[in-house]
């Protein structure tokens, strides 16, 4: 896997965190069971994230599973030494194409 391509998709329930790279990376989570409706189209993409620490990733994955318990969640990642900047670019591209951030990146409603 090069730094420009994502890994294969992994079932989030069976994700082996020891198989992940130990360096910084960006990642995506999708719902393989449905296309989600956004203002400018449909996408299975649910969340974009980045991490340099395993504990931050664990917390985020727990949160996503709790927010979207009915989905068939899949995870993929890409090593990226500039993960924060790359995440910003991914989110801007998604928002431009679909008219909103991925549902998991949107603030929780009160």
C-alpha atoms as a PDB file:
ATOM      1  CA  UNK A   1       0.000   0.000   0.000  1.00  0.00           C
ATOM      2  CA  UNK A   2       1.409   3.368  -0.964  1.00  0.00           C
ATOM      3  CA  UNK A   3       0.803   6.604   0.911  1.00  0.00           C
ATOM      4  CA  UNK A   4      -1.692   7.636  -1.794  1.00  0.00           C
ATOM      5  CA  UNK A   5      -3.976   4.629  -1.640  1.00  0.00           C
ATOM      6  CA  UNK A   6      -6.290   3.331   1.040  1.00  0.00           C
ATOM      7  CA  UNK A   7      -6.189  -0.160   2.502  1.00  0.00           C
ATOM      8  CA  UNK A   8      -8.914  -2.673   1.685  1.00  0.00           C
ATOM      9  CA  UNK A   9     -12.167  -2.288   3.647  1.00  0.00           C
ATOM     10  CA  UNK A  10     -12.338  -4.094   7.015  1.00  0.00           C
ATOM     11  CA  UNK A  11     -15.478  -4.991   8.960  1.00  0.00           C
ATOM     12  CA  UNK A  12     -15.398  -2.605  11.915  1.00  0.00           C
ATOM     13  CA  UNK A  13     -16.579  -5.320  14.324  1.00  0.00           C
ATOM     14  CA  UNK A  14     -13.666  -7.546  13.336  1.00  0.00           C
ATOM     15  CA  UNK A  15     -11.009  -4.873  12.939  1.00  0.00           C
ATOM     16  CA  UNK A  16      -7.641  -6.091  14.201  1.00  0.00           C
ATOM     17  CA  UNK A  17      -6.004  -2.909  15.439  1.00  0.00           C
ATOM     18  CA  UNK A  18      -2.626  -4.640  15.581  1.00  0.00           C
ATOM     19  CA  UNK A  19      -2.709  -4.808  11.773  1.00  0.00           C
ATOM     20  CA  UNK A  20      -2.884  -1.013  11.500  1.00  0.00           C
ATOM     21  CA  UNK A  21       0.180   1.056  10.876  1.00  0.00           C
ATOM     22  CA  UNK A  22       1.747   2.663  13.930  1.00  0.00           C
ATOM     23  CA  UNK A  23       2.332   5.959  12.120  1.00  0.00           C
ATOM     24  CA  UNK A  24      -0.153   8.763  11.539  1.00  0.00           C
ATOM     25  CA  UNK A  25      -2.999   7.921   9.161  1.00  0.00           C
ATOM     26  CA  UNK A  26      -6.315   9.108   7.790  1.00  0.00           C
ATOM     27  CA  UNK A  27      -9.279   6.754   7.733  1.00  0.00           C
ATOM     28  CA  UNK A  28     -12.803   6.395   6.419  1.00  0.00           C
ATOM     29  CA  UNK A  29     -15.835   4.602   7.792  1.00  0.00           C
ATOM     30  CA  UNK A  30     -18.764   3.683   5.572  1.00  0.00           C
ATOM     31  CA  UNK A  31     -22.096   1.948   6.049  1.00  0.00           C
ATOM     32  CA  UNK A  32     -22.036  -0.981   3.613  1.00  0.00           C
ATOM     33  CA  UNK A  33     -25.755  -1.639   4.137  1.00  0.00           C
ATOM     34  CA  UNK A  34     -27.087   1.582   2.619  1.00  0.00           C
ATOM     35  CA  UNK A  35     -26.462   4.780   0.736  1.00  0.00           C
ATOM     36  CA  UNK A  36     -26.938   7.774   3.001  1.00  0.00           C
ATOM     37  CA  UNK A  37     -28.830  10.778   1.677  1.00  0.00           C
ATOM     38  CA  UNK A  38     -26.954  14.069   1.510  1.00  0.00           C
ATOM     39  CA  UNK A  39     -28.159  17.394   0.038  1.00  0.00           C
ATOM     40  CA  UNK A  40     -26.348  16.822  -3.282  1.00  0.00           C
ATOM     41  CA  UNK A  41     -26.399  13.047  -3.628  1.00  0.00           C
ATOM     42  CA  UNK A  42     -25.979   9.715  -1.902  1.00  0.00           C
ATOM     43  CA  UNK A  43     -22.918   8.128  -0.386  1.00  0.00           C
ATOM     44  CA  UNK A  44     -22.120   5.193   1.869  1.00  0.00           C
ATOM     45  CA  UNK A  45     -19.450   7.320   3.548  1.00  0.00           C
ATOM     46  CA  UNK A  46     -20.224   7.975   7.196  1.00  0.00           C
ATOM     47  CA  UNK A  47     -17.065   9.397   8.773  1.00  0.00           C
ATOM     48  CA  UNK A  48     -13.567  10.656   7.945  1.00  0.00           C
ATOM     49  CA  UNK A  49     -10.913  10.807  10.633  1.00  0.00           C
ATOM     50  CA  UNK A  50      -7.219  10.945  11.351  1.00  0.00           C
ATOM     51  CA  UNK A  51      -5.112   9.736  14.190  1.00  0.00           C
ATOM     52  CA  UNK A  52      -1.632   9.507  15.505  1.00  0.00           C
ATOM     53  CA  UNK A  53      -2.607   7.604  18.664  1.00  0.00           C
ATOM     54  CA  UNK A  54      -4.371   4.313  19.182  1.00  0.00           C
ATOM     55  CA  UNK A  55      -6.361   5.534  22.185  1.00  0.00           C
ATOM     56  CA  UNK A  56      -7.895   8.385  20.169  1.00  0.00           C
ATOM     57  CA  UNK A  57      -8.865   5.903  17.457  1.00  0.00           C
ATOM     58  CA  UNK A  58     -10.456   3.526  19.989  1.00  0.00           C
ATOM     59  CA  UNK A  59     -12.553   6.340  21.436  1.00  0.00           C
ATOM     60  CA  UNK A  60     -13.698   7.493  17.997  1.00  0.00           C
ATOM     61  CA  UNK A  61     -14.611   3.972  16.863  1.00  0.00           C
ATOM     62  CA  UNK A  62     -16.684   3.414  20.030  1.00  0.00           C
ATOM     63  CA  UNK A  63     -18.471   6.711  19.435  1.00  0.00           C
ATOM     64  CA  UNK A  64     -19.269   5.883  15.791  1.00  0.00           C
ATOM     65  CA  UNK A  65     -20.549   2.410  16.728  1.00  0.00           C
ATOM     66  CA  UNK A  66     -22.811   3.975  19.378  1.00  0.00           C
ATOM     67  CA  UNK A  67     -24.121   6.677  17.026  1.00  0.00           C
ATOM     68  CA  UNK A  68     -24.786   4.259  14.139  1.00  0.00           C
ATOM     69  CA  UNK A  69     -25.473   0.849  15.720  1.00  0.00           C
ATOM     70  CA  UNK A  70     -27.634  -0.555  12.921  1.00  0.00           C
ATOM     71  CA  UNK A  71     -25.129  -0.114  10.099  1.00  0.00           C
ATOM     72  CA  UNK A  72     -22.738  -2.584   8.548  1.00  0.00           C
ATOM     73  CA  UNK A  73     -19.719  -0.438   9.293  1.00  0.00           C
ATOM     74  CA  UNK A  74     -16.524  -0.809   7.292  1.00  0.00           C
ATOM     75  CA  UNK A  75     -13.148   0.844   7.935  1.00  0.00           C
ATOM     76  CA  UNK A  76     -10.144   1.612   5.736  1.00  0.00           C
ATOM     77  CA  UNK A  77      -7.044   3.708   6.263  1.00  0.00           C
ATOM     78  CA  UNK A  78      -4.090   5.325   4.522  1.00  0.00           C
ATOM     79  CA  UNK A  79      -0.732   6.111   6.163  1.00  0.00           C
ATOM     80  CA  UNK A  80      -0.187   9.852   5.998  1.00  0.00           C
ATOM     81  CA  UNK A  81       2.451  11.916   7.801  1.00  0.00           C
ATOM     82  CA  UNK A  82       0.286  15.004   7.150  1.00  0.00           C
ATOM     83  CA  UNK A  83      -2.908  13.392   8.446  1.00  0.00           C
ATOM     84  CA  UNK A  84      -4.480  16.568   9.856  1.00  0.00           C
ATOM     85  CA  UNK A  85      -4.094  18.490   6.602  1.00  0.00           C
ATOM     86  CA  UNK A  86      -5.210  15.484   4.542  1.00  0.00           C
ATOM     87  CA  UNK A  87      -8.313  15.047   6.677  1.00  0.00           C
ATOM     88  CA  UNK A  88      -9.224  18.688   6.063  1.00  0.00           C
ATOM     89  CA  UNK A  89      -8.853  18.183   2.321  1.00  0.00           C
ATOM     90  CA  UNK A  90     -10.976  15.005   2.359  1.00  0.00           C
ATOM     91  CA  UNK A  91     -13.745  16.742   4.323  1.00  0.00           C
ATOM     92  CA  UNK A  92     -13.735  19.807   2.041  1.00  0.00           C
ATOM     93  CA  UNK A  93     -13.934  17.589  -1.056  1.00  0.00           C
ATOM     94  CA  UNK A  94     -16.820  15.563   0.417  1.00  0.00           C
ATOM     95  CA  UNK A  95     -18.733  18.681   1.461  1.00  0.00           C
ATOM     96  CA  UNK A  96     -18.267  20.258  -1.975  1.00  0.00           C
ATOM     97  CA  UNK A  97     -19.510  17.126  -3.732  1.00  0.00           C
ATOM     98  CA  UNK A  98     -22.385  16.164  -1.402  1.00  0.00           C
ATOM     99  CA  UNK A  99     -23.386  19.523   0.126  1.00  0.00           C
ATOM    100  CA  UNK A 100     -22.671  18.484   3.720  1.00  0.00           C
ATOM    101  CA  UNK A 101     -20.070  16.805   5.876  1.00  0.00           C
ATOM    102  CA  UNK A 102     -20.348  13.023   6.373  1.00  0.00           C
ATOM    103  CA  UNK A 103     -23.040  12.304   8.992  1.00  0.00           C
ATOM    104  CA  UNK A 104     -20.507  11.120  11.566  1.00  0.00           C
ATOM    105  CA  UNK A 105     -18.519  14.347  11.206  1.00  0.00           C
ATOM    106  CA  UNK A 106     -21.563  16.550  11.765  1.00  0.00           C
ATOM    107  CA  UNK A 107     -22.178  17.891  15.281  1.00  0.00           C
ATOM    108  CA  UNK A 108     -24.689  15.993  17.387  1.00  0.00           C
ATOM    109  CA  UNK A 109     -28.115  17.617  17.544  1.00  0.00           C
ATOM    110  CA  UNK A 110     -29.188  18.772  20.998  1.00  0.00           C
END
